[in-house]
Amino acid sequence: MMQRGEIAVLQREAAYAKDENRLNKLSTRRKNLEDEIKEVLERCEVEPKCLGAFVSFQDEYSRNNCLKMYTIAGRKLKYPKQLHLKEKQITVMPAPPPEDILFPN
């Protein structure tokens, strides 16, 4: 016949084994989730390529001023930081005439 202390030890061992099993499952799940997060972050690091954009100005003076700043800076090897967009150098040029732009219907 088992003593009361022996039963308590067996119960603790069973609980420990159950907790250890649960911990192993959680560790495996955590590793899988970390791998998924890493894959998503790697996909997010690839920035989509922007082919171009049109900017509207309130007046012609602002348009001309912008073109002038980028034309002057374009003759230098690097633009000043104020003329970067998200820390990347961009090219600025006048928009084509409206009749040359194809708008989807």
C-alpha atoms as a PDB file:
ATOM      1  CA  MET A   1       0.000   0.000   0.000  1.00  0.00           C
ATOM      2  CA  MET A   2       1.270   3.478  -0.914  1.00  0.00           C
ATOM      3  CA  GLN A   3       1.825   6.119   1.656  1.00  0.00           C
ATOM      4  CA  ARG A   4       0.214   9.510   1.412  1.00  0.00           C
ATOM      5  CA  GLY A   5       3.581  11.175   0.642  1.00  0.00           C
ATOM      6  CA  GLU A   6       4.298   8.732  -2.184  1.00  0.00           C
ATOM      7  CA  ILE A   7       0.947   9.490  -3.799  1.00  0.00           C
ATOM      8  CA  ALA A   8       1.650  13.217  -3.605  1.00  0.00           C
ATOM      9  CA  VAL A   9       5.061  12.698  -5.243  1.00  0.00           C
ATOM     10  CA  LEU A  10       3.487  10.645  -8.064  1.00  0.00           C
ATOM     11  CA  GLN A  11       0.821  13.296  -8.592  1.00  0.00           C
ATOM     12  CA  ARG A  12       3.467  16.037  -8.758  1.00  0.00           C
ATOM     13  CA  GLU A  13       5.515  13.986 -11.239  1.00  0.00           C
ATOM     14  CA  ALA A  14       2.447  13.438 -13.416  1.00  0.00           C
ATOM     15  CA  ALA A  15       1.608  17.147 -13.271  1.00  0.00           C
ATOM     16  CA  TYR A  16       5.235  17.988 -14.083  1.00  0.00           C
ATOM     17  CA  ALA A  17       5.213  15.656 -17.113  1.00  0.00           C
ATOM     18  CA  LYS A  18       1.924  17.174 -18.289  1.00  0.00           C
ATOM     19  CA  ASP A  19       3.300  20.726 -17.874  1.00  0.00           C
ATOM     20  CA  GLU A  20       6.519  19.772 -19.649  1.00  0.00           C
ATOM     21  CA  ASN A  21       4.524  18.351 -22.570  1.00  0.00           C
ATOM     22  CA  ARG A  22       2.401  21.519 -22.733  1.00  0.00           C
ATOM     23  CA  LEU A  23       5.557  23.646 -22.589  1.00  0.00           C
ATOM     24  CA  ASN A  24       7.129  21.694 -25.477  1.00  0.00           C
ATOM     25  CA  LYS A  25       3.991  22.212 -27.588  1.00  0.00           C
ATOM     26  CA  LEU A  26       3.999  25.926 -26.824  1.00  0.00           C
ATOM     27  CA  SER A  27       7.702  26.198 -27.641  1.00  0.00           C
ATOM     28  CA  THR A  28       7.119  24.505 -30.997  1.00  0.00           C
ATOM     29  CA  ARG A  29       4.170  26.800 -31.717  1.00  0.00           C
ATOM     30  CA  ARG A  30       6.255  29.853 -30.747  1.00  0.00           C
ATOM     31  CA  LYS A  31       9.059  28.823 -33.106  1.00  0.00           C
ATOM     32  CA  ASN A  32       6.568  28.325 -35.951  1.00  0.00           C
ATOM     33  CA  LEU A  33       5.041  31.750 -35.316  1.00  0.00           C
ATOM     34  CA  GLU A  34       8.480  33.379 -35.190  1.00  0.00           C
ATOM     35  CA  ASP A  35       9.311  31.768 -38.546  1.00  0.00           C
ATOM     36  CA  GLU A  36       6.040  33.061 -40.030  1.00  0.00           C
ATOM     37  CA  ILE A  37       6.725  36.563 -38.702  1.00  0.00           C
ATOM     38  CA  LYS A  38      10.231  36.467 -40.156  1.00  0.00           C
ATOM     39  CA  GLU A  39       8.851  35.474 -43.585  1.00  0.00           C
ATOM     40  CA  VAL A  40       6.277  38.286 -43.496  1.00  0.00           C
ATOM     41  CA  LEU A  41       8.912  40.835 -42.502  1.00  0.00           C
ATOM     42  CA  GLU A  42      11.197  39.672 -45.310  1.00  0.00           C
ATOM     43  CA  ARG A  43       8.346  40.091 -47.796  1.00  0.00           C
ATOM     44  CA  CYS A  44       7.616  43.568 -46.433  1.00  0.00           C
ATOM     45  CA  GLU A  45      11.233  44.650 -46.895  1.00  0.00           C
ATOM     46  CA  VAL A  46      10.835  44.341 -50.656  1.00  0.00           C
ATOM     47  CA  GLU A  47       9.456  47.720 -51.578  1.00  0.00           C
ATOM     48  CA  PRO A  48       7.136  47.936 -54.557  1.00  0.00           C
ATOM     49  CA  LYS A  49       8.591  49.891 -57.444  1.00  0.00           C
ATOM     50  CA  CYS A  50       6.959  53.238 -58.122  1.00  0.00           C
ATOM     51  CA  LEU A  51       7.070  54.077 -61.800  1.00  0.00           C
ATOM     52  CA  GLY A  52       5.885  57.644 -61.468  1.00  0.00           C
ATOM     53  CA  ALA A  53       3.494  60.068 -59.897  1.00  0.00           C
ATOM     54  CA  PHE A  54       1.782  63.306 -60.787  1.00  0.00           C
ATOM     55  CA  VAL A  55       1.773  66.223 -58.372  1.00  0.00           C
ATOM     56  CA  SER A  56      -0.707  69.098 -58.544  1.00  0.00           C
ATOM     57  CA  PHE A  57       0.208  72.580 -57.403  1.00  0.00           C
ATOM     58  CA  GLN A  58      -2.116  75.378 -56.365  1.00  0.00           C
ATOM     59  CA  ASP A  59      -0.398  77.841 -58.645  1.00  0.00           C
ATOM     60  CA  GLU A  60       2.105  77.968 -61.456  1.00  0.00           C
ATOM     61  CA  TYR A  61       4.690  79.719 -59.279  1.00  0.00           C
ATOM     62  CA  SER A  62       4.905  76.689 -56.952  1.00  0.00           C
ATOM     63  CA  ARG A  63       5.211  74.334 -59.918  1.00  0.00           C
ATOM     64  CA  ASN A  64       8.004  76.379 -61.463  1.00  0.00           C
ATOM     65  CA  ASN A  65       9.783  76.722 -58.131  1.00  0.00           C
ATOM     66  CA  CYS A  66       9.725  72.946 -57.599  1.00  0.00           C
ATOM     67  CA  LEU A  67      11.019  72.252 -61.099  1.00  0.00           C
ATOM     68  CA  LYS A  68      13.727  74.876 -60.641  1.00  0.00           C
ATOM     69  CA  MET A  69      14.918  73.399 -57.310  1.00  0.00           C
ATOM     70  CA  TYR A  70      15.180  69.893 -58.720  1.00  0.00           C
ATOM     71  CA  THR A  71      16.781  71.067 -61.981  1.00  0.00           C
ATOM     72  CA  ILE A  72      19.484  72.965 -60.095  1.00  0.00           C
ATOM     73  CA  ALA A  73      20.004  70.039 -57.701  1.00  0.00           C
ATOM     74  CA  GLY A  74      20.017  67.580 -60.600  1.00  0.00           C
ATOM     75  CA  ARG A  75      23.229  69.135 -61.914  1.00  0.00           C
ATOM     76  CA  LYS A  76      24.961  68.212 -58.667  1.00  0.00           C
ATOM     77  CA  LEU A  77      26.025  64.664 -57.835  1.00  0.00           C
ATOM     78  CA  LYS A  78      23.562  64.392 -54.940  1.00  0.00           C
ATOM     79  CA  TYR A  79      20.405  66.243 -53.970  1.00  0.00           C
ATOM     80  CA  PRO A  80      20.316  68.028 -50.634  1.00  0.00           C
ATOM     81  CA  LYS A  81      18.452  65.985 -47.991  1.00  0.00           C
ATOM     82  CA  GLN A  82      15.503  68.396 -48.146  1.00  0.00           C
ATOM     83  CA  LEU A  83      14.830  67.253 -51.722  1.00  0.00           C
ATOM     84  CA  HIS A  84      14.757  63.537 -50.893  1.00  0.00           C
ATOM     85  CA  LEU A  85      11.525  61.581 -50.576  1.00  0.00           C
ATOM     86  CA  LYS A  86      11.715  58.967 -47.809  1.00  0.00           C
ATOM     87  CA  GLU A  87      15.498  59.350 -47.936  1.00  0.00           C
ATOM     88  CA  LYS A  88      15.610  58.416 -51.637  1.00  0.00           C
ATOM     89  CA  GLN A  89      16.633  60.646 -54.491  1.00  0.00           C
ATOM     90  CA  ILE A  90      13.827  61.248 -56.977  1.00  0.00           C
ATOM     91  CA  THR A  91      13.647  62.669 -60.463  1.00  0.00           C
ATOM     92  CA  VAL A  92      11.305  65.581 -61.117  1.00  0.00           C
ATOM     93  CA  MET A  93      10.219  66.677 -64.567  1.00  0.00           C
ATOM     94  CA  PRO A  94       7.272  68.555 -66.049  1.00  0.00           C
ATOM     95  CA  ALA A  95       4.176  66.451 -66.685  1.00  0.00           C
ATOM     96  CA  PRO A  96       3.280  65.573 -70.256  1.00  0.00           C
ATOM     97  CA  PRO A  97       0.370  67.441 -71.862  1.00  0.00           C
ATOM     98  CA  PRO A  98      -3.066  66.191 -70.692  1.00  0.00           C
ATOM     99  CA  GLU A  99      -3.873  64.719 -74.108  1.00  0.00           C
ATOM    100  CA  ASP A 100      -0.857  62.392 -73.792  1.00  0.00           C
ATOM    101  CA  ILE A 101      -2.040  60.891 -70.478  1.00  0.00           C
ATOM    102  CA  LEU A 102      -4.189  57.771 -70.748  1.00  0.00           C
ATOM    103  CA  PHE A 103      -6.895  57.681 -68.094  1.00  0.00           C
ATOM    104  CA  PRO A 104      -8.733  54.388 -67.488  1.00  0.00           C
ATOM    105  CA  ASN A 105     -12.516  54.526 -67.936  1.00  0.00           C
END
